Amino acid sequence: MTRQMIIATTLEELRSARLLLDGPVGFVPTMGFLHAGHISLVRRARDECKSVVVSIFVNPTQFGPNEDLSKYPRDLDRDLRLLEEAGADLVWTPTPEVMYPPGFQTWVEVQEMTQPLEGAQRPGHFLGVTTVVAKLFNAVQPTKAYFGQKDAQQAAVIRQMVRDLNFPIEIVVCPIVREPDGLAMSSRNVYLDTEQRKAATVLYRALSAAKDAYEKGERDAEKLRRMMKEVIEREPLAQMQYVSCADYDTLQELDKVTGKILLSMAVFIGKTRLIDNFVLG
C-alpha cells in the first residue's frame, strides 16, 4: 500500500491527522521555500522516527519592521512535491489567523540567551521564534524536533526553552548543508545576483581562516575574531554586521577559547543578510 502524504491547514485537521500517526513522531518546522538543507532534516527524521510531520509557516512575528516578510520567497506546490519525495507523512500549513487568532496576547520569552548575536541585531526576533515554536510543539506533540545548525543561536534558544518548560521533546541539531563552494544553503540565497553569489562565499572563507588558526593552536578569541573580520573586509561587496567567537552553550563572547565554541557571523552582501557558523572543539 502506498503512503499518502496528508496536508492539513486548520488546527482541527492537524489534530485529527496527528492521531493516526504511529510514534515516535519526528517534526521539522520550516518557513517553506525548501532547499537541500531542509530536506536533509526531513530525511534524518524519516531515518529516526516512525512518522514525520513538517510545518510550513512564514512566521510574521519573527520579522522586524524593515525585514523581508512580504518579499520572503514562497513556493508551496514545489515544497509539497519535495516533502512527498522525502517521505513526510503530514504537512501542516497554518495561516497567520490560525497561529495568532484575534486578541492574541501570550508570548514565550527566553531571556539571557536571546540578547547577544542575532538578538542584538534583530530586537524581538527570538520572541517571535520561541512563541511560534512553542505553539507548533504544542499542536504537533512530536517526540523529536529537527533544526539546522545554520541557525545556531535559534537551536540553542529552543534547547533552553524545551528544558525550561519541560517539553517532552528531544531537540536534534543537524549539520549545515553547503553548496560545493562552501556557501551555506539558505532560502535567502535566491536574492543574490551572479556577482553577489560569488562574494557570498566570504562567510565560509572567513570561518575557515579562523578554523585553520584554531587547529594550529590559536586560543585567543579576539585574534580569531580579527582574522574573520580581515577576510570579510577584503571582499568589496560584503558589509560585516558582527563576527563572534562564543561559548557553544551560553553564547557568551570568549577571551580565551576553551571547550566547545561557536564561531559565527552575519554579513550583508548587497541587501541580503547572510549568517553562517562553525562549531569547534
C-alpha atoms as a PDB file:
ATOM      1  CA  MET A   1       0.000   0.000   0.000  1.00  0.00           C
ATOM      2  CA  THR A   2       1.485   3.391  -0.924  1.00  0.00           C
ATOM      3  CA  ARG A   3       1.688   6.019   1.759  1.00  0.00           C
ATOM      4  CA  GLN A   4      -0.390   9.134   1.155  1.00  0.00           C
ATOM      5  CA  MET A   5       1.008  12.416   2.497  1.00  0.00           C
ATOM      6  CA  ILE A   6      -1.685  14.365   4.373  1.00  0.00           C
ATOM      7  CA  ILE A   7      -1.888  18.160   4.117  1.00  0.00           C
ATOM      8  CA  ALA A   8      -3.615  19.984   6.978  1.00  0.00           C
ATOM      9  CA  THR A   9      -4.340  23.702   7.322  1.00  0.00           C
ATOM     10  CA  THR A  10      -6.608  24.121  10.343  1.00  0.00           C
ATOM     11  CA  LEU A  11      -5.740  23.033  13.865  1.00  0.00           C
ATOM     12  CA  GLU A  12      -8.635  20.560  13.782  1.00  0.00           C
ATOM     13  CA  GLU A  13      -7.312  18.924  10.583  1.00  0.00           C
ATOM     14  CA  LEU A  14      -3.834  18.714  12.112  1.00  0.00           C
ATOM     15  CA  ARG A  15      -5.075  17.124  15.342  1.00  0.00           C
ATOM     16  CA  SER A  16      -7.238  14.536  13.533  1.00  0.00           C
ATOM     17  CA  ALA A  17      -4.350  13.571  11.233  1.00  0.00           C
ATOM     18  CA  ARG A  18      -1.861  13.521  14.128  1.00  0.00           C
ATOM     19  CA  LEU A  19      -3.962  10.919  15.992  1.00  0.00           C
ATOM     20  CA  LEU A  20      -3.458   8.492  13.104  1.00  0.00           C
ATOM     21  CA  LEU A  21       0.364   8.666  13.174  1.00  0.00           C
ATOM     22  CA  ASP A  22       2.469   5.946  14.770  1.00  0.00           C
ATOM     23  CA  GLY A  23       5.169   7.099  17.205  1.00  0.00           C
ATOM     24  CA  PRO A  24       7.859   8.111  17.581  1.00  0.00           C
ATOM     25  CA  VAL A  25       6.959  11.265  15.636  1.00  0.00           C
ATOM     26  CA  GLY A  26       9.701  13.482  14.162  1.00  0.00           C
ATOM     27  CA  PHE A  27       8.894  17.129  13.464  1.00  0.00           C
ATOM     28  CA  VAL A  28      10.593  19.626  11.130  1.00  0.00           C
ATOM     29  CA  PRO A  29       9.348  23.236  11.436  1.00  0.00           C
ATOM     30  CA  THR A  30      10.080  25.325   8.302  1.00  0.00           C
ATOM     31  CA  MET A  31       9.175  28.623   6.663  1.00  0.00           C
ATOM     32  CA  GLY A  32       8.934  26.901   3.285  1.00  0.00           C
ATOM     33  CA  PHE A  33      10.843  27.630   0.056  1.00  0.00           C
ATOM     34  CA  LEU A  34      12.675  24.416   0.874  1.00  0.00           C
ATOM     35  CA  HIS A  35      16.240  23.580  -0.148  1.00  0.00           C
ATOM     36  CA  ALA A  36      18.557  20.603   0.380  1.00  0.00           C
ATOM     37  CA  GLY A  37      19.232  21.720   3.973  1.00  0.00           C
ATOM     38  CA  HIS A  38      15.545  21.389   4.924  1.00  0.00           C
ATOM     39  CA  ILE A  39      15.242  18.089   3.079  1.00  0.00           C
ATOM     40  CA  SER A  40      18.253  16.704   4.998  1.00  0.00           C
ATOM     41  CA  LEU A  41      16.290  17.374   8.233  1.00  0.00           C
ATOM     42  CA  VAL A  42      13.231  15.566   6.871  1.00  0.00           C
ATOM     43  CA  ARG A  43      15.371  12.584   5.801  1.00  0.00           C
ATOM     44  CA  ARG A  44      17.050  12.446   9.217  1.00  0.00           C
ATOM     45  CA  ALA A  45      13.611  12.476  10.873  1.00  0.00           C
ATOM     46  CA  ARG A  46      12.500   9.741   8.450  1.00  0.00           C
ATOM     47  CA  ASP A  47      15.527   7.590   9.445  1.00  0.00           C
ATOM     48  CA  GLU A  48      14.954   8.005  13.188  1.00  0.00           C
ATOM     49  CA  CYS A  49      11.159   8.127  13.560  1.00  0.00           C
ATOM     50  CA  LYS A  50       8.117   6.114  12.570  1.00  0.00           C
ATOM     51  CA  SER A  51       6.228   9.199  11.344  1.00  0.00           C
ATOM     52  CA  VAL A  52       7.330  12.627  10.093  1.00  0.00           C
ATOM     53  CA  VAL A  53       5.433  15.915  10.376  1.00  0.00           C
ATOM     54  CA  VAL A  54       6.610  19.120   8.638  1.00  0.00           C
ATOM     55  CA  SER A  55       5.143  22.596   9.149  1.00  0.00           C
ATOM     56  CA  ILE A  56       5.344  25.384   6.582  1.00  0.00           C
ATOM     57  CA  PHE A  57       4.613  28.793   8.077  1.00  0.00           C
ATOM     58  CA  VAL A  58       6.268  32.137   7.330  1.00  0.00           C
ATOM     59  CA  ASN A  59       6.048  33.492  10.868  1.00  0.00           C
ATOM     60  CA  PRO A  60       5.302  37.244  10.799  1.00  0.00           C
ATOM     61  CA  THR A  61       6.270  37.834  14.447  1.00  0.00           C
ATOM     62  CA  GLN A  62       9.951  36.999  13.920  1.00  0.00           C
ATOM     63  CA  PHE A  63      10.445  39.648  11.198  1.00  0.00           C
ATOM     64  CA  GLY A  64      11.449  43.181  12.196  1.00  0.00           C
ATOM     65  CA  PRO A  65       9.856  46.330  10.691  1.00  0.00           C
ATOM     66  CA  ASN A  66      12.451  46.655   7.897  1.00  0.00           C
ATOM     67  CA  GLU A  67      12.897  42.948   7.189  1.00  0.00           C
ATOM     68  CA  ASP A  68      11.760  40.941   4.190  1.00  0.00           C
ATOM     69  CA  LEU A  69       8.414  39.406   5.331  1.00  0.00           C
ATOM     70  CA  SER A  70       6.417  40.440   2.246  1.00  0.00           C
ATOM     71  CA  LYS A  71       9.294  39.517  -0.090  1.00  0.00           C
ATOM     72  CA  TYR A  72      10.176  36.252   1.670  1.00  0.00           C
ATOM     73  CA  PRO A  73      10.228  33.609  -1.110  1.00  0.00           C
ATOM     74  CA  ARG A  74       7.326  31.169  -1.221  1.00  0.00           C
ATOM     75  CA  ASP A  75       6.521  28.171  -3.460  1.00  0.00           C
ATOM     76  CA  LEU A  76       4.080  25.837  -1.714  1.00  0.00           C
ATOM     77  CA  ASP A  77       3.460  23.466  -4.647  1.00  0.00           C
ATOM     78  CA  ARG A  78       7.172  22.797  -5.069  1.00  0.00           C
ATOM     79  CA  ASP A  79       7.622  22.419  -1.298  1.00  0.00           C
ATOM     80  CA  LEU A  80       4.857  19.809  -1.118  1.00  0.00           C
ATOM     81  CA  ARG A  81       6.378  17.826  -4.014  1.00  0.00           C
ATOM     82  CA  LEU A  82       9.801  17.808  -2.297  1.00  0.00           C
ATOM     83  CA  LEU A  83       8.277  16.734   1.024  1.00  0.00           C
ATOM     84  CA  GLU A  84       6.314  13.915  -0.622  1.00  0.00           C
ATOM     85  CA  GLU A  85       9.581  12.650  -2.186  1.00  0.00           C
ATOM     86  CA  ALA A  86      11.470  12.990   1.112  1.00  0.00           C
ATOM     87  CA  GLY A  87       8.901  10.870   2.942  1.00  0.00           C
ATOM     88  CA  ALA A  88       6.853  13.308   5.055  1.00  0.00           C
ATOM     89  CA  ASP A  89       3.598  11.825   6.383  1.00  0.00           C
ATOM     90  CA  LEU A  90       1.839  15.017   7.378  1.00  0.00           C
ATOM     91  CA  VAL A  91       2.396  18.650   6.345  1.00  0.00           C
ATOM     92  CA  TRP A  92       0.780  21.445   8.325  1.00  0.00           C
ATOM     93  CA  THR A  93       0.379  24.789   6.542  1.00  0.00           C
ATOM     94  CA  PRO A  94      -1.389  27.030   9.072  1.00  0.00           C
ATOM     95  CA  THR A  95      -2.412  30.603   8.227  1.00  0.00           C
ATOM     96  CA  PRO A  96      -1.397  33.585  10.394  1.00  0.00           C
ATOM     97  CA  GLU A  97      -5.015  33.648  11.688  1.00  0.00           C
ATOM     98  CA  VAL A  98      -4.658  30.044  12.925  1.00  0.00           C
ATOM     99  CA  MET A  99      -1.376  30.807  14.733  1.00  0.00           C
ATOM    100  CA  TYR A 100      -2.315  34.267  16.005  1.00  0.00           C
ATOM    101  CA  PRO A 101      -6.091  34.446  16.439  1.00  0.00           C
ATOM    102  CA  PRO A 102      -7.723  37.853  17.065  1.00  0.00           C
ATOM    103  CA  GLY A 103      -6.853  39.169  20.519  1.00  0.00           C
ATOM    104  CA  PHE A 104      -3.663  37.063  20.761  1.00  0.00           C
ATOM    105  CA  GLN A 105      -1.602  38.228  23.773  1.00  0.00           C
ATOM    106  CA  THR A 106       0.560  35.367  25.083  1.00  0.00           C
ATOM    107  CA  TRP A 107       4.311  35.258  24.387  1.00  0.00           C
ATOM    108  CA  VAL A 108       7.086  32.826  25.301  1.00  0.00           C
ATOM    109  CA  GLU A 109      10.404  34.525  26.072  1.00  0.00           C
ATOM    110  CA  VAL A 110      13.854  33.051  26.674  1.00  0.00           C
ATOM    111  CA  GLN A 111      15.786  35.885  28.301  1.00  0.00           C
ATOM    112  CA  GLU A 112      19.604  35.906  28.543  1.00  0.00           C
ATOM    113  CA  MET A 113      20.434  33.670  25.624  1.00  0.00           C
ATOM    114  CA  THR A 114      18.483  35.820  23.167  1.00  0.00           C
ATOM    115  CA  GLN A 115      20.411  39.029  23.989  1.00  0.00           C
ATOM    116  CA  PRO A 116      23.706  38.667  22.019  1.00  0.00           C
ATOM    117  CA  LEU A 117      24.430  37.964  18.311  1.00  0.00           C
ATOM    118  CA  GLU A 118      21.209  37.752  16.278  1.00  0.00           C
ATOM    119  CA  GLY A 119      19.197  39.016  19.249  1.00  0.00           C
ATOM    120  CA  ALA A 120      21.260  42.222  19.447  1.00  0.00           C
ATOM    121  CA  GLN A 121      20.836  42.891  15.706  1.00  0.00           C
ATOM    122  CA  ARG A 122      17.183  41.843  15.411  1.00  0.00           C
ATOM    123  CA  PRO A 123      15.254  43.008  18.516  1.00  0.00           C
ATOM    124  CA  GLY A 124      12.090  40.961  19.055  1.00  0.00           C
ATOM    125  CA  HIS A 125      13.151  38.267  16.570  1.00  0.00           C
ATOM    126  CA  PHE A 126      13.566  35.480  19.128  1.00  0.00           C
ATOM    127  CA  LEU A 127      10.350  36.389  20.935  1.00  0.00           C
ATOM    128  CA  GLY A 128       8.591  35.561  17.665  1.00  0.00           C
ATOM    129  CA  VAL A 129      10.649  32.385  17.180  1.00  0.00           C
ATOM    130  CA  THR A 130      10.148  30.926  20.665  1.00  0.00           C
ATOM    131  CA  THR A 131       6.435  31.761  20.720  1.00  0.00           C
ATOM    132  CA  VAL A 132       5.730  30.177  17.348  1.00  0.00           C
ATOM    133  CA  VAL A 133       7.902  27.101  18.059  1.00  0.00           C
ATOM    134  CA  ALA A 134       6.181  26.581  21.435  1.00  0.00           C
ATOM    135  CA  LYS A 135       2.821  26.747  19.653  1.00  0.00           C
ATOM    136  CA  LEU A 136       3.991  24.338  16.927  1.00  0.00           C
ATOM    137  CA  PHE A 137       5.314  21.885  19.549  1.00  0.00           C
ATOM    138  CA  ASN A 138       2.038  22.137  21.449  1.00  0.00           C
ATOM    139  CA  ALA A 139      -0.024  21.418  18.337  1.00  0.00           C
ATOM    140  CA  VAL A 140       2.141  18.659  16.812  1.00  0.00           C
ATOM    141  CA  GLN A 141       3.250  16.920  20.055  1.00  0.00           C
ATOM    142  CA  PRO A 142       6.407  15.414  18.482  1.00  0.00           C
ATOM    143  CA  THR A 143       8.869  13.004  20.082  1.00  0.00           C
ATOM    144  CA  LYS A 144      11.850  14.675  18.370  1.00  0.00           C
ATOM    145  CA  ALA A 145      12.210  18.006  16.583  1.00  0.00           C
ATOM    146  CA  TYR A 146      14.877  18.712  13.960  1.00  0.00           C
ATOM    147  CA  PHE A 147      16.683  22.022  13.426  1.00  0.00           C
ATOM    148  CA  GLY A 148      19.625  23.075  11.249  1.00  0.00           C
ATOM    149  CA  GLN A 149      22.975  24.125  12.708  1.00  0.00           C
ATOM    150  CA  LYS A 150      22.962  27.170  10.387  1.00  0.00           C
ATOM    151  CA  ASP A 151      20.624  28.925  12.826  1.00  0.00           C
ATOM    152  CA  ALA A 152      22.923  28.043  15.724  1.00  0.00           C
ATOM    153  CA  GLN A 153      21.576  30.588  18.197  1.00  0.00           C
ATOM    154  CA  GLN A 154      17.996  29.634  17.363  1.00  0.00           C
ATOM    155  CA  ALA A 155      18.805  25.983  18.098  1.00  0.00           C
ATOM    156  CA  ALA A 156      20.435  26.934  21.421  1.00  0.00           C
ATOM    157  CA  VAL A 157      17.476  29.136  22.407  1.00  0.00           C
ATOM    158  CA  ILE A 158      14.986  26.361  21.580  1.00  0.00           C
ATOM    159  CA  ARG A 159      17.002  23.802  23.576  1.00  0.00           C
ATOM    160  CA  GLN A 160      16.849  26.203  26.528  1.00  0.00           C
ATOM    161  CA  MET A 161      13.083  26.738  26.115  1.00  0.00           C
ATOM    162  CA  VAL A 162      12.439  22.985  25.943  1.00  0.00           C
ATOM    163  CA  ARG A 163      14.446  22.456  29.149  1.00  0.00           C
ATOM    164  CA  ASP A 164      12.821  25.364  30.973  1.00  0.00           C
ATOM    165  CA  LEU A 165       9.230  24.472  30.020  1.00  0.00           C
ATOM    166  CA  ASN A 166       9.669  20.687  30.406  1.00  0.00           C
ATOM    167  CA  PHE A 167       8.598  19.886  26.853  1.00  0.00           C
ATOM    168  CA  PRO A 168       8.991  16.086  26.465  1.00  0.00           C
ATOM    169  CA  ILE A 169      10.795  16.614  23.144  1.00  0.00           C
ATOM    170  CA  GLU A 170      14.335  15.756  22.069  1.00  0.00           C
ATOM    171  CA  ILE A 171      15.930  18.563  20.011  1.00  0.00           C
ATOM    172  CA  VAL A 172      18.160  17.236  17.207  1.00  0.00           C
ATOM    173  CA  VAL A 173      20.521  19.746  15.564  1.00  0.00           C
ATOM    174  CA  CYS A 174      21.702  18.638  12.113  1.00  0.00           C
ATOM    175  CA  PRO A 175      24.811  19.763  10.174  1.00  0.00           C
ATOM    176  CA  ILE A 176      24.754  22.711   7.769  1.00  0.00           C
ATOM    177  CA  VAL A 177      24.263  21.664   4.139  1.00  0.00           C
ATOM    178  CA  ARG A 178      26.567  23.660   1.844  1.00  0.00           C
ATOM    179  CA  GLU A 179      26.941  24.400  -1.844  1.00  0.00           C
ATOM    180  CA  PRO A 180      30.129  22.960  -3.451  1.00  0.00           C
ATOM    181  CA  ASP A 181      31.935  26.307  -2.881  1.00  0.00           C
ATOM    182  CA  GLY A 182      31.059  26.343   0.831  1.00  0.00           C
ATOM    183  CA  LEU A 183      28.096  28.764   0.856  1.00  0.00           C
ATOM    184  CA  ALA A 184      25.558  27.615   3.459  1.00  0.00           C
ATOM    185  CA  MET A 185      22.217  26.790   1.834  1.00  0.00           C
ATOM    186  CA  SER A 186      19.554  29.371   2.647  1.00  0.00           C
ATOM    187  CA  SER A 187      16.195  30.381   1.194  1.00  0.00           C
ATOM    188  CA  ARG A 188      17.606  33.935   1.034  1.00  0.00           C
ATOM    189  CA  ASN A 189      20.411  32.934  -1.385  1.00  0.00           C
ATOM    190  CA  VAL A 190      17.830  33.359  -4.165  1.00  0.00           C
ATOM    191  CA  TYR A 191      18.163  37.159  -3.687  1.00  0.00           C
ATOM    192  CA  LEU A 192      21.841  37.180  -4.758  1.00  0.00           C
ATOM    193  CA  ASP A 193      22.856  38.152  -8.314  1.00  0.00           C
ATOM    194  CA  THR A 194      25.840  36.449 -10.003  1.00  0.00           C
ATOM    195  CA  GLU A 195      28.498  38.799  -8.577  1.00  0.00           C
ATOM    196  CA  GLN A 196      26.959  38.737  -5.101  1.00  0.00           C
ATOM    197  CA  ARG A 197      26.683  34.958  -5.201  1.00  0.00           C
ATOM    198  CA  LYS A 198      30.468  34.783  -5.763  1.00  0.00           C
ATOM    199  CA  ALA A 199      31.105  37.298  -2.988  1.00  0.00           C
ATOM    200  CA  ALA A 200      28.854  35.362  -0.582  1.00  0.00           C
ATOM    201  CA  THR A 201      31.489  32.650  -0.160  1.00  0.00           C
ATOM    202  CA  VAL A 202      33.366  35.193   2.010  1.00  0.00           C
ATOM    203  CA  LEU A 203      31.467  33.914   5.083  1.00  0.00           C
ATOM    204  CA  TYR A 204      32.783  30.395   4.589  1.00  0.00           C
ATOM    205  CA  ARG A 205      36.279  31.691   3.780  1.00  0.00           C
ATOM    206  CA  ALA A 206      36.365  33.826   6.943  1.00  0.00           C
ATOM    207  CA  LEU A 207      35.193  30.955   9.150  1.00  0.00           C
ATOM    208  CA  SER A 208      37.713  28.609   7.512  1.00  0.00           C
ATOM    209  CA  ALA A 209      40.587  31.049   8.200  1.00  0.00           C
ATOM    210  CA  ALA A 210      39.714  31.120  11.908  1.00  0.00           C
ATOM    211  CA  LYS A 211      39.252  27.354  12.000  1.00  0.00           C
ATOM    212  CA  ASP A 212      42.709  26.812  10.457  1.00  0.00           C
ATOM    213  CA  ALA A 213      44.272  29.080  13.082  1.00  0.00           C
ATOM    214  CA  TYR A 214      42.352  27.258  15.830  1.00  0.00           C
ATOM    215  CA  GLU A 215      43.593  23.902  14.537  1.00  0.00           C
ATOM    216  CA  LYS A 216      47.160  25.234  14.623  1.00  0.00           C
ATOM    217  CA  GLY A 217      46.693  26.057  18.299  1.00  0.00           C
ATOM    218  CA  GLU A 218      45.376  29.662  18.373  1.00  0.00           C
ATOM    219  CA  ARG A 219      43.261  30.077  21.531  1.00  0.00           C
ATOM    220  CA  ASP A 220      42.976  33.866  21.718  1.00  0.00           C
ATOM    221  CA  ALA A 221      39.330  34.553  20.856  1.00  0.00           C
ATOM    222  CA  GLU A 222      39.982  38.177  19.885  1.00  0.00           C
ATOM    223  CA  LYS A 223      42.616  37.060  17.349  1.00  0.00           C
ATOM    224  CA  LEU A 224      40.147  34.600  15.829  1.00  0.00           C
ATOM    225  CA  ARG A 225      37.512  37.341  15.567  1.00  0.00           C
ATOM    226  CA  ARG A 226      40.058  39.687  13.976  1.00  0.00           C
ATOM    227  CA  MET A 227      41.007  37.066  11.387  1.00  0.00           C
ATOM    228  CA  MET A 228      37.388  36.642  10.344  1.00  0.00           C
ATOM    229  CA  LYS A 229      36.923  40.429  10.140  1.00  0.00           C
ATOM    230  CA  GLU A 230      40.000  40.818   7.929  1.00  0.00           C
ATOM    231  CA  VAL A 231      38.763  38.254   5.405  1.00  0.00           C
ATOM    232  CA  ILE A 232      35.335  39.949   5.238  1.00  0.00           C
ATOM    233  CA  GLU A 233      36.862  43.419   4.873  1.00  0.00           C
ATOM    234  CA  ARG A 234      38.806  42.263   1.808  1.00  0.00           C
ATOM    235  CA  GLU A 235      35.546  41.470  -0.027  1.00  0.00           C
ATOM    236  CA  PRO A 236      34.218  44.744  -1.553  1.00  0.00           C
ATOM    237  CA  LEU A 237      30.583  43.576  -1.782  1.00  0.00           C
ATOM    238  CA  ALA A 238      30.462  42.432   1.850  1.00  0.00           C
ATOM    239  CA  GLN A 239      29.401  44.534   4.795  1.00  0.00           C
ATOM    240  CA  MET A 240      30.011  42.896   8.161  1.00  0.00           C
ATOM    241  CA  GLN A 241      27.335  43.141  10.835  1.00  0.00           C
ATOM    242  CA  TYR A 242      29.088  41.041  13.501  1.00  0.00           C
ATOM    243  CA  VAL A 243      31.607  38.254  13.995  1.00  0.00           C
ATOM    244  CA  SER A 244      31.653  36.190  17.153  1.00  0.00           C
ATOM    245  CA  CYS A 245      33.735  33.617  18.991  1.00  0.00           C
ATOM    246  CA  ALA A 246      31.457  32.458  21.813  1.00  0.00           C
ATOM    247  CA  ASP A 247      30.863  29.609  24.228  1.00  0.00           C
ATOM    248  CA  TYR A 248      28.747  26.977  22.447  1.00  0.00           C
ATOM    249  CA  ASP A 249      26.224  26.590  25.285  1.00  0.00           C
ATOM    250  CA  THR A 250      25.901  30.083  26.769  1.00  0.00           C
ATOM    251  CA  LEU A 251      26.706  32.116  23.603  1.00  0.00           C
ATOM    252  CA  GLN A 252      28.803  34.485  25.745  1.00  0.00           C
ATOM    253  CA  GLU A 253      31.809  36.011  23.946  1.00  0.00           C
ATOM    254  CA  LEU A 254      35.119  34.456  25.000  1.00  0.00           C
ATOM    255  CA  ASP A 255      38.561  35.914  25.744  1.00  0.00           C
ATOM    256  CA  LYS A 256      40.270  32.542  25.867  1.00  0.00           C
ATOM    257  CA  VAL A 257      38.974  29.611  23.831  1.00  0.00           C
ATOM    258  CA  THR A 258      38.193  26.513  25.912  1.00  0.00           C
ATOM    259  CA  GLY A 259      35.825  23.591  25.299  1.00  0.00           C
ATOM    260  CA  LYS A 260      33.190  23.700  22.587  1.00  0.00           C
ATOM    261  CA  ILE A 261      32.910  27.044  20.798  1.00  0.00           C
ATOM    262  CA  LEU A 262      30.734  28.694  18.178  1.00  0.00           C
ATOM    263  CA  LEU A 263      32.331  30.885  15.518  1.00  0.00           C
ATOM    264  CA  SER A 264      29.513  32.835  13.871  1.00  0.00           C
ATOM    265  CA  MET A 265      28.801  35.912  11.777  1.00  0.00           C
ATOM    266  CA  ALA A 266      26.194  37.967   9.964  1.00  0.00           C
ATOM    267  CA  VAL A 267      27.220  39.729   6.753  1.00  0.00           C
ATOM    268  CA  PHE A 268      25.284  41.784   4.229  1.00  0.00           C
ATOM    269  CA  ILE A 269      26.003  41.003   0.596  1.00  0.00           C
ATOM    270  CA  GLY A 270      24.210  43.874  -1.133  1.00  0.00           C
ATOM    271  CA  LYS A 271      20.820  43.997   0.621  1.00  0.00           C
ATOM    272  CA  THR A 272      20.837  40.301   1.519  1.00  0.00           C
ATOM    273  CA  ARG A 273      21.716  39.381   5.090  1.00  0.00           C
ATOM    274  CA  LEU A 274      23.506  36.035   5.398  1.00  0.00           C
ATOM    275  CA  ILE A 275      24.555  34.122   8.505  1.00  0.00           C
ATOM    276  CA  ASP A 276      26.946  31.190   8.938  1.00  0.00           C
ATOM    277  CA  ASN A 277      28.883  29.415  11.669  1.00  0.00           C
ATOM    278  CA  PHE A 278      31.324  26.643  12.570  1.00  0.00           C
ATOM    279  CA  VAL A 279      31.306  24.633  15.792  1.00  0.00           C
ATOM    280  CA  LEU A 280      34.820  23.803  17.053  1.00  0.00           C
ATOM    281  CA  GLY A 281      36.179  21.705  19.897  1.00  0.00           C
END
